[in-house]
Protein backbone atom coordinates (compact mmCIF):
# COMPACT_ATOMS: atom_id res chain seq x y z
CA MET A 1 0.27 0.01 0.16
CA ALA A 2 2.47 2.27 0.94
CA ARG A 3 4.22 1.81 -2.46
CA TRP A 4 1.21 2.83 -4.36
CA ARG A 5 1.22 5.86 -2.18
CA ALA A 6 4.85 6.74 -3.22
CA ILE A 7 3.98 6.05 -7.18
CA THR A 8 0.88 7.75 -6.60
CA VAL A 9 2.50 11.31 -4.85
CA CYS A 10 5.59 10.78 -7.63
CA ALA A 11 3.28 10.98 -10.47
CA PHE A 12 1.01 13.76 -9.45
CA LEU A 13 4.33 15.75 -8.87
CA PHE A 14 5.58 14.68 -12.44
CA LEU A 15 2.49 16.03 -13.80
CA ILE A 16 2.88 19.40 -12.02
CA CYS A 17 6.30 19.73 -13.44
CA LEU A 18 4.90 19.11 -16.60
CA GLN A 19 2.26 21.41 -16.46
CA ASP A 20 4.80 24.16 -15.51
CA ALA A 21 7.15 22.89 -18.22
CA PHE A 22 4.27 23.60 -20.55
CA ALA A 23 3.28 26.81 -19.28
CA GLN A 24 6.75 27.92 -19.98
CA VAL A 25 6.62 26.49 -23.44
CA GLU A 26 3.16 28.72 -23.76
CA ARG A 27 4.90 31.77 -22.12
CA MET A 28 6.45 34.89 -24.87
CA PHE A 29 9.13 36.73 -23.52
CA TYR A 30 10.06 40.23 -24.95
CA PRO A 31 13.23 41.68 -24.93
CA VAL A 32 13.72 45.05 -23.35
CA GLU A 33 15.66 47.22 -25.42
CA ALA A 34 17.97 50.13 -24.44
CA GLU A 35 15.50 52.66 -25.69
CA ALA A 36 12.61 51.56 -23.61
CA LEU A 37 14.45 52.36 -20.36
CA LYS A 38 13.93 55.35 -18.55
CA GLY A 39 16.21 56.88 -15.74
CA ARG A 40 19.04 57.56 -17.97
CA THR A 41 20.56 60.80 -19.99
CA LYS A 42 18.96 61.54 -23.35
CA GLU A 43 22.50 60.44 -25.07
CA MET A 44 21.68 56.97 -23.51
CA HIS A 45 18.81 56.49 -25.67
CA THR A 46 20.77 55.66 -28.53
CA GLN A 47 23.12 53.15 -26.46
CA VAL A 48 23.12 49.46 -27.02
CA SER A 49 24.07 49.28 -23.15
CA LEU A 50 21.70 48.90 -20.24
CA GLY A 51 24.01 50.48 -18.20
CA ARG A 52 24.16 54.76 -17.20
CA LEU A 53 27.30 56.43 -19.03
CA PRO A 54 27.46 56.70 -22.53
CA SER A 55 30.32 54.78 -24.50
CA ARG A 56 32.11 57.70 -25.47
CA LEU A 57 33.33 58.44 -21.93
CA GLN A 58 35.13 55.09 -21.46
CA GLY A 59 38.66 56.19 -20.89
CA GLN A 60 37.70 59.83 -20.03
CA VAL A 61 36.36 58.79 -16.84
CA ARG A 62 38.44 56.56 -14.02
CA ASP A 63 37.84 52.91 -14.61
CA ALA A 64 36.11 52.86 -11.18
CA VAL A 65 33.38 55.49 -12.36
CA TRP A 66 32.93 53.82 -15.82
CA ASN A 67 32.66 50.52 -13.88
CA LEU A 68 30.19 51.64 -11.83
CA GLY A 69 28.11 53.40 -14.69
CA GLN A 70 27.14 49.91 -16.12
CA ASN A 71 25.27 49.16 -13.19
CA ALA A 72 21.31 49.74 -13.51
CA ALA A 73 20.80 51.92 -10.78
CA GLY A 74 17.53 53.72 -11.02
CA VAL A 75 17.01 52.58 -14.51
CA TYR A 76 13.13 51.34 -15.26
CA VAL A 77 11.43 50.17 -17.84
CA ASP A 78 7.25 51.21 -18.05
CA PHE A 79 4.98 49.05 -19.95
CA ARG A 80 1.29 47.88 -20.16
CA THR A 81 -0.12 44.38 -19.80
CA ASP A 82 -3.20 42.45 -19.03
CA ALA A 83 -1.47 39.37 -17.82
CA ASP A 84 -1.93 38.01 -14.50
CA THR A 85 1.63 36.54 -14.21
CA ILE A 86 4.71 38.26 -15.39
CA VAL A 87 7.86 36.66 -15.59
CA VAL A 88 11.22 38.50 -15.75
CA ARG A 89 14.31 37.09 -16.68
CA TYR A 90 18.03 38.64 -17.13
CA GLY A 91 21.96 37.70 -16.64
CA VAL A 92 24.14 39.95 -14.87
CA SER A 93 27.88 40.26 -15.16
CA GLY A 94 28.91 41.03 -11.32
CA ASP A 95 28.85 39.77 -7.83
CA LEU A 96 25.06 39.04 -6.53
CA ASN A 97 25.55 40.49 -2.82
CA MET A 98 27.60 42.53 -0.75
CA PRO A 99 28.65 42.16 2.92
CA HIS A 100 26.08 44.90 4.14
CA MET A 101 23.66 44.66 1.21
CA PRO A 102 21.17 41.77 0.27
CA THR A 103 21.17 39.98 -3.03
CA THR A 104 17.27 41.49 -4.14
CA GLY A 105 18.78 44.95 -3.44
CA VAL A 106 22.50 44.28 -5.14
CA SER A 107 20.69 42.49 -7.80
CA GLY A 108 17.16 41.76 -7.89
CA VAL A 109 14.31 43.57 -9.56
CA ASP A 110 11.32 45.38 -8.34
CA LEU A 111 7.57 45.74 -9.76
CA TYR A 112 5.15 48.53 -9.18
CA MET A 113 1.83 49.58 -11.04
CA LYS A 114 0.62 53.09 -11.20
CA GLU A 115 -2.93 53.15 -11.71
CA GLY A 116 -4.72 56.88 -11.59
CA ASN A 117 -2.88 58.35 -8.90
CA ILE A 118 -1.99 55.31 -6.62
CA TRP A 119 1.31 53.27 -6.74
CA ARG A 120 0.70 49.53 -6.18
CA TRP A 121 3.48 47.11 -5.52
CA ALA A 122 4.00 43.22 -6.23
CA HIS A 123 5.92 40.93 -4.62
CA GLY A 124 7.65 37.89 -6.38
CA SER A 125 9.30 34.76 -6.38
CA TYR A 126 12.91 34.42 -7.29
CA GLN A 127 15.53 32.44 -8.01
CA PHE A 128 19.36 33.71 -8.32
CA LYS A 129 21.59 31.54 -11.01
CA ASP A 130 23.20 32.13 -14.22
CA THR A 131 19.92 33.20 -15.04
CA ILE A 132 18.05 35.24 -12.73
CA GLN A 133 14.40 34.81 -12.74
CA TYR A 134 11.38 36.70 -11.10
CA THR A 135 8.00 35.64 -10.93
CA PHE A 136 5.09 38.03 -10.14
CA SER A 137 1.96 35.70 -9.87
CA ASN A 138 -1.48 36.36 -9.49
CA ILE A 139 -1.51 40.23 -9.73
CA GLY A 140 -4.68 40.52 -11.51
CA LYS A 141 -5.40 41.43 -14.89
CA ASN A 142 -4.42 45.61 -14.55
CA LYS A 143 -5.73 46.84 -17.81
CA ALA A 144 -5.64 50.58 -16.76
CA GLY A 145 -2.31 50.36 -15.14
CA VAL A 146 1.04 51.30 -16.39
CA TYR A 147 3.76 48.87 -14.70
CA ARG A 148 7.43 50.11 -13.53
CA LEU A 149 10.14 47.58 -13.26
CA TYR A 150 13.10 48.76 -11.44
CA LEU A 151 16.65 47.03 -12.58
CA PRO A 152 19.30 46.07 -10.19
CA LEU A 153 20.99 49.26 -8.15
CA TYR A 154 24.33 47.42 -8.38
CA ASN A 155 24.91 44.93 -10.76
CA THR A 156 25.45 45.14 -14.60
CA VAL A 157 22.65 43.73 -16.83
CA LYS A 158 23.70 42.16 -20.02
CA TRP A 159 20.04 40.99 -21.06
CA LEU A 160 16.85 41.36 -19.76
CA GLU A 161 13.26 39.92 -21.04
CA ILE A 162 10.02 40.40 -19.73
CA GLY A 163 7.51 37.26 -20.35
CA VAL A 164 4.04 36.81 -20.55
CA ASP A 165 1.41 33.93 -21.23
CA LYS A 166 1.16 33.39 -25.37
CA ALA A 167 -2.34 34.85 -25.45
CA GLU A 168 -0.99 38.20 -23.51
CA GLN A 169 1.04 40.80 -24.84
CA ILE A 170 3.36 43.48 -23.77
CA PHE A 171 3.17 47.44 -24.94
CA PHE A 172 6.42 49.62 -23.65
CA VAL A 173 5.45 52.86 -22.90
CA ASP A 174 7.53 55.75 -23.99
CA ASN A 175 6.91 58.81 -22.21
CA LYS A 176 10.21 60.49 -22.68
CA GLY A 177 10.06 64.15 -22.87
CA LYS A 178 7.08 64.37 -21.13
CA GLN A 179 8.82 66.68 -18.52
CA ALA A 180 12.32 67.82 -17.73
CA PRO A 181 14.28 64.90 -15.46
CA ILE A 182 15.74 65.51 -11.90
CA VAL A 183 19.26 64.79 -12.38
CA VAL A 184 21.04 63.29 -9.46
CA TYR A 185 24.79 62.96 -8.92
CA GLY A 186 25.86 61.30 -5.92
CA THR A 187 27.69 58.56 -3.93
CA SER A 188 26.78 55.20 -2.95
CA ILE A 189 23.80 56.09 -1.04
CA ALA A 190 21.91 57.73 -4.00
CA GLN A 191 23.20 54.63 -5.97
CA GLY A 192 20.79 52.70 -3.22
CA ALA A 193 23.18 51.30 -1.08
CA CYS A 194 21.90 49.48 1.25
CA VAL A 195 18.25 48.63 0.67
CA SER A 196 16.39 45.41 0.29
CA ARG A 197 15.18 46.03 -3.17
CA PRO A 198 15.62 48.71 -6.01
CA GLY A 199 12.26 50.40 -5.47
CA MET A 200 13.17 51.45 -1.99
CA ALA A 201 16.41 53.57 -2.97
CA TRP A 202 15.47 57.29 -2.61
CA THR A 203 15.95 58.52 -5.96
CA ASN A 204 12.89 56.02 -7.00
CA ILE A 205 10.90 56.71 -4.34
CA VAL A 206 11.35 60.38 -5.47
CA GLY A 207 10.49 59.80 -8.95
CA ARG A 208 7.47 57.67 -7.74
CA SER A 209 5.81 60.52 -5.60
CA LEU A 210 6.45 63.27 -8.04
CA ASP A 211 5.72 61.83 -11.20
CA ASN A 212 9.06 62.30 -12.58
CA GLU A 213 11.82 60.75 -14.26
CA VAL A 214 14.80 60.59 -12.17
CA VAL A 215 18.46 60.42 -13.84
CA ASN A 216 20.60 58.45 -11.34
CA LEU A 217 24.17 59.30 -11.97
CA ALA A 218 25.66 57.98 -8.39
CA PHE A 219 28.85 55.89 -8.07
CA SER A 220 29.53 54.21 -4.84
CA GLY A 221 32.82 55.68 -3.30
CA ASN A 222 33.26 57.79 -6.37
CA GLY A 223 30.74 60.81 -6.38
CA ARG A 224 33.75 63.23 -6.46
CA LEU A 225 32.18 66.16 -8.74
CA GLU A 226 34.70 65.20 -11.22
CA GLN A 227 34.61 67.34 -14.57
CA PRO A 228 33.41 64.66 -17.48
CA LEU A 229 30.60 63.74 -14.97
CA LEU A 230 29.55 67.50 -14.71
CA ASP A 231 29.96 68.03 -18.33
CA LEU A 232 27.61 64.90 -18.92
CA ILE A 233 24.92 66.25 -16.55
CA ALA A 234 25.26 69.70 -18.33
CA LEU A 235 23.83 68.38 -21.39
CA GLU A 236 20.69 67.52 -19.68
CA ASP A 237 17.91 70.01 -19.74
CA ALA A 238 16.93 69.31 -16.28
CA ALA A 239 13.83 70.36 -13.97
CA VAL A 240 16.25 70.28 -10.98
CA TYR A 241 19.91 69.32 -10.28
CA VAL A 242 21.05 67.49 -7.29
CA LEU A 243 24.88 67.25 -6.48
CA ASP A 244 24.94 65.01 -3.39
CA CYS A 245 28.80 64.59 -3.32
CA LEU A 246 29.70 65.16 0.21
CA PRO A 247 29.54 61.44 1.47
CA ASN A 248 32.83 61.23 -0.73
CA LEU A 249 34.43 64.35 0.04
CA ILE A 250 35.67 64.11 3.63
CA ILE A 251 38.04 66.52 4.60
CA THR A 252 41.61 64.58 4.51
CA PRO A 253 45.06 65.54 4.51
CA GLN A 254 44.66 64.78 0.73
CA ARG A 255 41.62 67.05 0.54
CA SER A 256 41.98 70.69 2.37
CA GLU A 257 38.34 72.75 2.89
CA ARG A 258 39.74 74.83 0.12
CA GLN A 259 39.95 72.03 -2.31
CA LEU A 260 36.51 70.90 -1.31
CA ASP A 261 35.24 74.68 -1.57
CA SER A 262 37.07 74.74 -4.93
CA LEU A 263 35.29 71.84 -6.03
CA ILE A 264 31.91 72.65 -5.37
CA VAL A 265 32.08 75.99 -7.01
CA GLY A 266 33.76 74.87 -9.90
CA ALA A 267 30.65 71.98 -10.23
CA VAL A 268 28.27 74.64 -9.94
CA LYS A 269 29.35 77.01 -12.34
CA THR A 270 29.99 74.33 -15.14
CA ILE A 271 26.06 73.73 -14.86
CA ARG A 272 25.35 77.51 -14.70
CA ALA A 273 27.28 78.21 -18.06
CA LYS A 274 24.41 76.40 -19.82
CA HIS A 275 21.66 76.45 -17.39
CA PRO A 276 21.46 80.07 -15.71
CA LYS A 277 18.40 79.29 -14.30
CA THR A 278 17.86 75.81 -13.41
CA PRO A 279 17.62 75.25 -9.74
CA ILE A 280 20.62 73.08 -8.10
CA ILE A 281 20.47 71.62 -4.56
CA LEU A 282 23.71 71.12 -2.75
CA THR A 283 22.97 68.25 0.19
CA GLY A 284 24.88 68.08 3.34
CA HIS A 285 26.48 64.60 4.46
CA SER A 286 22.84 62.86 4.99
CA SER A 287 24.45 61.02 8.42
CA ALA A 288 25.83 64.08 9.64
CA PHE A 289 24.49 65.31 12.97
CA THR A 290 22.98 61.94 13.78
CA PRO A 291 21.94 61.64 17.40
CA GLY A 292 22.79 58.93 19.54
CA VAL A 293 26.46 57.69 17.56
CA MET A 294 28.93 56.99 19.98
CA ASN A 295 31.77 56.97 17.37
CA SER A 296 32.45 60.92 17.42
CA GLY A 297 35.31 60.89 15.19
CA THR A 298 33.01 59.57 12.28
CA LEU A 299 30.39 62.27 13.13
CA VAL A 300 33.38 64.87 13.16
CA ALA A 301 34.52 64.17 9.86
CA TYR A 302 30.98 63.98 8.05
CA GLU A 303 30.00 67.36 9.83
CA LYS A 304 33.10 69.14 8.79
CA SER A 305 32.41 68.48 5.27
CA THR A 306 28.78 69.10 5.66
CA TYR A 307 30.27 72.60 7.23
CA VAL A 308 32.11 73.24 3.89
CA GLY A 309 29.28 72.82 1.67
CA LYS A 310 27.04 75.03 3.65
CA THR A 311 29.63 77.54 3.75
CA THR A 312 29.97 77.48 0.24
CA PHE A 313 26.56 77.42 -0.67
CA ASP A 314 25.98 80.87 1.32
CA LYS A 315 29.06 82.45 -0.13
CA LEU A 316 27.45 81.49 -3.73
CA VAL A 317 24.23 82.76 -2.63
CA LYS A 318 25.50 86.00 -1.23
CA GLU A 319 26.92 86.49 -4.56
CA GLY A 320 23.88 86.51 -6.79
CA ASP A 321 22.63 82.79 -6.95
CA LYS A 322 19.19 82.83 -6.74
CA LYS A 323 18.01 79.34 -7.76
CA LEU A 324 20.59 77.53 -5.40
CA TYR A 325 19.18 75.38 -2.73
CA TRP A 326 20.40 73.78 0.29
CA LEU A 327 19.19 70.29 1.89
CA ASP A 328 20.50 70.00 5.62
CA SER A 329 21.26 66.86 7.13
CA ARG A 330 19.36 67.97 9.97
CA GLU A 331 16.13 68.23 7.80
CA ILE A 332 16.80 64.75 6.65
CA ALA A 333 17.15 63.70 10.54
CA LEU A 334 18.48 60.04 10.26
CA ASP A 335 18.66 58.34 13.46
CA ILE A 336 20.57 55.45 15.46
CA ASN A 337 18.18 53.06 13.41
CA SER A 338 18.59 54.58 9.91
CA THR A 339 21.63 52.87 8.55
CA VAL A 340 23.58 49.83 8.47
CA ASP A 341 26.81 51.26 9.45
CA SER A 342 26.32 54.82 10.02
CA ALA A 343 26.59 56.02 6.55
CA HIS A 344 24.47 53.76 4.22
CA PRO A 345 20.91 53.82 4.77
CA ASN A 346 18.75 50.79 5.47
CA ASP A 347 15.12 51.13 3.87
CA TYR A 348 13.71 52.99 6.80
CA GLY A 349 16.56 55.52 6.30
CA MET A 350 16.26 55.62 2.54
CA ASP A 351 12.44 56.89 3.04
CA LYS A 352 13.90 59.66 5.57
CA ILE A 353 16.27 60.93 2.60
CA ALA A 354 13.41 60.66 0.06
CA GLN A 355 11.03 62.53 1.98
CA ALA A 356 13.42 65.23 2.69
CA TYR A 357 14.38 65.78 -0.91
CA ILE A 358 10.44 65.51 -1.68
CA ARG A 359 9.29 68.70 0.85
CA LEU A 360 12.24 70.49 -1.14
CA LEU A 361 11.59 69.78 -4.62
CA LYS A 362 7.56 70.15 -4.07
CA LYS A 363 8.53 73.63 -3.02
CA ILE A 364 11.22 74.34 -5.99
CA LEU A 365 9.05 72.95 -8.66
CA LYS A 366 5.60 74.04 -7.93
């Protein structure tokens, strides 16, 4: 009797596997081409790469910047479909995770849908192998909504496909040029370290909240206000420029307060040469002035660069720049529950950063 029960169970499991295999055969996959991607500079609309930096900059920027520029931080695709199940599969070329950031944040994707003015979110089952696959099941036939799929924050995507049942279709939504983007030049924090999934990066939260494309030009450990990146940013007709690089510009024996002041002034002048009236936000180190942190030396370093940034901001405003704005660290108000290592925010800390930006951007863009 036990033998027949075992045979019956095995047969049942075989039929389930056969059904799943058949479903795979009946699924149609649509490749996501570079021109369908958003959250990138206008120059990237004609590039083959799924990353963030145009090919002409290879050799002009440091290798570390170029490599990080191939990561898909802040890059997303909008599409419509009636499918009740959406499967995303893709390949990456980097490590799947980091010691302080999970695989789902480093290498995962994230699916949202906007219906009217409401954003909804779908959790997916995932498997991280040579081909990574996310399956978003039982999400309903959402005919009126527009899906938004965020790509990995800290990995380079070689190829990506979205699959639906063969009876369904996918239509990529092209809203380029709908409005000028918010362009962010920043560090690992703006790139997305260390959230649990891509949609929780502060640039992506801001983009959803303001219904505005955000171009993420943040490079982990390498947001240093360098000229090739500033020149690239200045080519964009942005609604707002955000310079959030102080976490990578700490005062050291190799970098004086005067040198930091010169970097900030040079960055603002580069943008002002082409965009004299476009708002620019300068941001203090998000973790400066965090109450309750016992490591006083770390806070002193954060606060020192923030002090120089604010002093330079005040000088530029006094010289007549009326479209320059300062986002203060205390307005962000991170606390001891906000980060994984005093600098990189967790999901809670990332939302605090996002909300501070949203409050300021609403005033600027109204």
